[in-house]
């Protein structure tokens, strides 16, 4: 099954201290999804970022997305984040 979504998300980052490279977060998602048909979708995510330096982080995230005509999907995402400061 192929699924796609477009939308906006907001994450809340928990302070971890200046010398701690881990930055945990929780967030929400709202948007438009296509799973079996097109519909609005909502979701939640949580994860942690591990900063190698102030501009590059390894990101591990678990998220859940629910659309009107689907039972919802859960994902585990592993990736890198780049920050421009």
N, C-alpha and C. Protein backbone atom coordinates (compact mmCIF):
# COMPACT_ATOMS: atom_id res chain seq x y z
N UNK A 1 0.84 -1.18 0.00
CA UNK A 1 0.00 0.00 0.00
C UNK A 1 0.88 1.24 0.00
N UNK A 2 0.57 2.17 -0.85
CA UNK A 2 1.28 3.44 -0.90
C UNK A 2 0.43 4.51 -0.23
N UNK A 3 1.05 5.29 0.62
CA UNK A 3 0.35 6.38 1.31
C UNK A 3 1.17 7.65 1.19
N UNK A 4 0.49 8.78 1.12
CA UNK A 4 1.17 10.07 1.10
C UNK A 4 0.35 11.06 1.90
N UNK A 5 1.03 12.09 2.42
CA UNK A 5 0.33 13.13 3.16
C UNK A 5 1.06 14.46 3.02
N UNK A 6 0.28 15.51 3.07
CA UNK A 6 0.79 16.88 3.04
C UNK A 6 0.08 17.63 4.15
N UNK A 7 0.83 18.37 4.93
CA UNK A 7 0.19 19.10 6.03
C UNK A 7 1.20 19.89 6.83
N UNK A 8 0.79 20.22 8.03
CA UNK A 8 1.63 21.00 8.93
C UNK A 8 1.76 20.25 10.25
N UNK A 9 2.87 20.46 10.91
CA UNK A 9 3.07 19.84 12.22
C UNK A 9 3.65 20.86 13.17
N UNK A 10 3.46 20.61 14.45
CA UNK A 10 4.03 21.44 15.50
C UNK A 10 4.64 20.51 16.53
N UNK A 11 5.88 20.76 16.90
CA UNK A 11 6.58 19.94 17.89
C UNK A 11 6.92 20.77 19.12
N UNK A 12 6.83 20.15 20.29
CA UNK A 12 7.27 20.77 21.54
C UNK A 12 8.55 20.06 21.96
N UNK A 13 9.62 20.81 22.12
CA UNK A 13 10.91 20.26 22.50
C UNK A 13 11.12 20.45 24.00
N UNK A 14 11.50 19.36 24.67
CA UNK A 14 11.78 19.41 26.10
C UNK A 14 13.23 19.81 26.30
N UNK A 15 13.46 20.81 27.15
CA UNK A 15 14.82 21.30 27.40
C UNK A 15 15.65 20.17 27.99
N UNK A 16 16.87 20.02 27.48
CA UNK A 16 17.72 18.93 27.96
C UNK A 16 19.05 19.43 28.51
N UNK A 17 19.25 20.71 28.61
CA UNK A 17 20.50 21.25 29.14
C UNK A 17 21.51 21.53 28.04
N UNK A 18 22.36 22.49 28.26
CA UNK A 18 23.30 22.95 27.24
C UNK A 18 24.34 21.89 26.87
N UNK A 19 24.74 21.05 27.81
CA UNK A 19 25.78 20.06 27.53
C UNK A 19 25.21 18.70 27.13
N UNK A 20 23.88 18.55 27.08
CA UNK A 20 23.25 17.28 26.72
C UNK A 20 22.91 17.28 25.23
N UNK A 21 23.43 16.34 24.43
CA UNK A 21 23.15 16.34 22.99
C UNK A 21 21.79 15.77 22.62
N UNK A 22 21.01 15.25 23.58
CA UNK A 22 19.69 14.67 23.29
C UNK A 22 18.59 15.72 23.45
N UNK A 23 17.67 15.77 22.49
CA UNK A 23 16.56 16.71 22.54
C UNK A 23 15.26 15.96 22.25
N UNK A 24 14.51 15.52 23.29
CA UNK A 24 13.25 14.82 23.06
C UNK A 24 12.12 15.79 22.71
N UNK A 25 11.10 15.27 21.98
CA UNK A 25 9.97 16.12 21.58
C UNK A 25 8.70 15.30 21.41
N UNK A 26 7.56 16.01 21.47
CA UNK A 26 6.23 15.49 21.17
C UNK A 26 5.56 16.47 20.23
N UNK A 27 4.67 15.98 19.36
CA UNK A 27 4.04 16.90 18.42
C UNK A 27 2.73 16.38 17.86
N UNK A 28 2.09 17.24 17.07
CA UNK A 28 0.82 16.93 16.41
C UNK A 28 0.93 17.24 14.93
N UNK A 29 0.05 16.62 14.13
CA UNK A 29 0.02 16.79 12.68
C UNK A 29 -1.42 16.95 12.23
N UNK A 30 -1.63 17.81 11.25
CA UNK A 30 -2.94 17.94 10.59
C UNK A 30 -2.69 18.20 9.12
N UNK A 31 -3.44 17.52 8.27
CA UNK A 31 -3.22 17.71 6.84
C UNK A 31 -4.17 16.93 5.97
N UNK A 32 -3.68 16.58 4.80
CA UNK A 32 -4.44 15.92 3.75
C UNK A 32 -3.68 14.66 3.36
N UNK A 33 -4.36 13.51 3.37
CA UNK A 33 -3.70 12.24 3.10
C UNK A 33 -4.34 11.49 1.96
N UNK A 34 -3.56 10.65 1.33
CA UNK A 34 -4.07 9.73 0.33
C UNK A 34 -3.58 8.33 0.70
N UNK A 35 -4.51 7.47 1.14
CA UNK A 35 -4.19 6.08 1.44
C UNK A 35 -4.95 5.23 0.44
N UNK A 36 -6.24 5.07 0.63
CA UNK A 36 -7.10 4.38 -0.35
C UNK A 36 -7.91 5.41 -1.13
N UNK A 37 -8.23 6.51 -0.48
CA UNK A 37 -8.88 7.65 -1.12
C UNK A 37 -8.36 8.91 -0.43
N UNK A 38 -8.78 10.06 -0.89
CA UNK A 38 -8.29 11.33 -0.35
C UNK A 38 -9.15 11.77 0.83
N UNK A 39 -8.52 12.22 1.91
CA UNK A 39 -9.27 12.73 3.04
C UNK A 39 -8.35 13.50 3.98
N UNK A 40 -8.98 14.21 4.91
CA UNK A 40 -8.23 14.93 5.93
C UNK A 40 -7.60 13.93 6.88
N UNK A 41 -6.48 14.29 7.47
CA UNK A 41 -5.83 13.39 8.41
C UNK A 41 -5.27 14.16 9.60
N UNK A 42 -5.14 13.47 10.70
CA UNK A 42 -4.55 14.02 11.92
C UNK A 42 -3.58 12.98 12.48
N UNK A 43 -2.70 13.42 13.34
CA UNK A 43 -1.75 12.48 13.91
C UNK A 43 -0.95 13.06 15.05
N UNK A 44 -0.10 12.21 15.59
CA UNK A 44 0.78 12.60 16.68
C UNK A 44 2.15 11.97 16.43
N UNK A 45 3.18 12.61 16.96
CA UNK A 45 4.53 12.08 16.83
C UNK A 45 5.33 12.38 18.08
N UNK A 46 6.34 11.58 18.28
CA UNK A 46 7.26 11.78 19.38
C UNK A 46 8.60 11.19 19.02
N UNK A 47 9.65 11.78 19.52
CA UNK A 47 10.96 11.27 19.18
C UNK A 47 12.06 11.97 19.94
N UNK A 48 13.27 11.74 19.45
CA UNK A 48 14.44 12.36 20.05
C UNK A 48 15.43 12.69 18.94
N UNK A 49 16.11 13.81 19.11
CA UNK A 49 17.19 14.20 18.20
C UNK A 49 18.50 14.14 18.97
N UNK A 50 19.51 13.54 18.36
CA UNK A 50 20.85 13.49 18.93
C UNK A 50 21.74 14.40 18.09
N UNK A 51 22.25 15.47 18.70
CA UNK A 51 23.05 16.47 17.99
C UNK A 51 24.52 16.07 17.98
N UNK A 52 25.07 15.91 16.77
CA UNK A 52 26.50 15.68 16.60
C UNK A 52 27.26 16.99 16.76
N UNK A 53 26.65 18.07 16.28
CA UNK A 53 27.16 19.43 16.45
C UNK A 53 25.93 20.34 16.39
N UNK A 54 26.06 21.65 16.55
CA UNK A 54 24.88 22.51 16.58
C UNK A 54 24.04 22.52 15.30
N UNK A 55 24.56 21.99 14.19
CA UNK A 55 23.84 22.06 12.92
C UNK A 55 23.34 20.72 12.39
N UNK A 56 23.79 19.59 12.93
CA UNK A 56 23.42 18.27 12.40
C UNK A 56 22.98 17.36 13.54
N UNK A 57 21.81 16.69 13.33
CA UNK A 57 21.28 15.80 14.34
C UNK A 57 20.75 14.52 13.70
N UNK A 58 20.88 13.42 14.42
CA UNK A 58 20.25 12.16 14.05
C UNK A 58 18.86 12.18 14.68
N UNK A 59 17.84 11.83 13.91
CA UNK A 59 16.46 11.92 14.38
C UNK A 59 15.82 10.53 14.38
N UNK A 60 15.22 10.14 15.50
CA UNK A 60 14.43 8.91 15.61
C UNK A 60 13.04 9.33 16.05
N UNK A 61 12.02 8.94 15.25
CA UNK A 61 10.66 9.39 15.53
C UNK A 61 9.67 8.26 15.32
N UNK A 62 8.69 8.17 16.20
CA UNK A 62 7.54 7.28 16.02
C UNK A 62 6.33 8.18 15.79
N UNK A 63 5.52 7.86 14.78
CA UNK A 63 4.34 8.69 14.55
C UNK A 63 3.14 7.83 14.18
N UNK A 64 1.97 8.44 14.32
CA UNK A 64 0.69 7.80 13.99
C UNK A 64 -0.13 8.80 13.19
N UNK A 65 -0.71 8.35 12.08
CA UNK A 65 -1.56 9.18 11.24
C UNK A 65 -2.90 8.47 11.04
N UNK A 66 -3.99 9.19 11.22
CA UNK A 66 -5.33 8.63 11.02
C UNK A 66 -6.08 9.48 10.01
N UNK A 67 -6.69 8.81 9.03
CA UNK A 67 -7.52 9.48 8.03
C UNK A 67 -8.94 8.97 8.20
N UNK A 68 -9.89 9.67 7.59
CA UNK A 68 -11.30 9.36 7.77
C UNK A 68 -11.66 7.95 7.35
N UNK A 69 -11.14 7.45 6.26
CA UNK A 69 -11.52 6.13 5.74
C UNK A 69 -10.43 5.08 5.90
N UNK A 70 -9.59 5.22 6.90
CA UNK A 70 -8.54 4.22 7.12
C UNK A 70 -8.45 3.91 8.60
N UNK A 71 -7.79 2.83 8.92
CA UNK A 71 -7.62 2.45 10.32
C UNK A 71 -6.40 3.12 10.95
N UNK A 72 -5.67 3.92 10.20
CA UNK A 72 -4.51 4.63 10.71
C UNK A 72 -3.22 3.88 10.43
N UNK A 73 -2.12 4.60 10.45
CA UNK A 73 -0.82 4.00 10.20
C UNK A 73 0.17 4.46 11.27
N UNK A 74 1.05 3.56 11.65
CA UNK A 74 2.14 3.87 12.58
C UNK A 74 3.44 3.71 11.83
N UNK A 75 4.38 4.61 12.10
CA UNK A 75 5.67 4.59 11.41
C UNK A 75 6.79 4.83 12.40
N UNK A 76 7.93 4.25 12.11
CA UNK A 76 9.16 4.55 12.83
C UNK A 76 10.13 5.12 11.81
N UNK A 77 10.61 6.33 12.07
CA UNK A 77 11.43 7.06 11.11
C UNK A 77 12.82 7.29 11.69
N UNK A 78 13.83 7.03 10.89
CA UNK A 78 15.22 7.29 11.25
C UNK A 78 15.80 8.19 10.17
N UNK A 79 16.38 9.32 10.56
CA UNK A 79 16.91 10.23 9.57
C UNK A 79 17.84 11.26 10.18
N UNK A 80 18.27 12.20 9.35
CA UNK A 80 19.13 13.29 9.78
C UNK A 80 18.41 14.61 9.60
N UNK A 81 18.68 15.54 10.48
CA UNK A 81 18.14 16.90 10.40
C UNK A 81 19.30 17.88 10.27
N UNK A 82 19.12 18.89 9.45
CA UNK A 82 20.11 19.95 9.29
C UNK A 82 19.48 21.27 9.71
N UNK A 83 20.19 22.05 10.48
CA UNK A 83 19.69 23.33 10.98
C UNK A 83 20.61 24.44 10.50
N UNK A 84 20.02 25.47 9.95
CA UNK A 84 20.77 26.64 9.48
C UNK A 84 20.62 27.73 10.54
N UNK A 85 21.74 28.18 11.06
CA UNK A 85 21.71 29.19 12.12
C UNK A 85 22.50 30.40 11.71
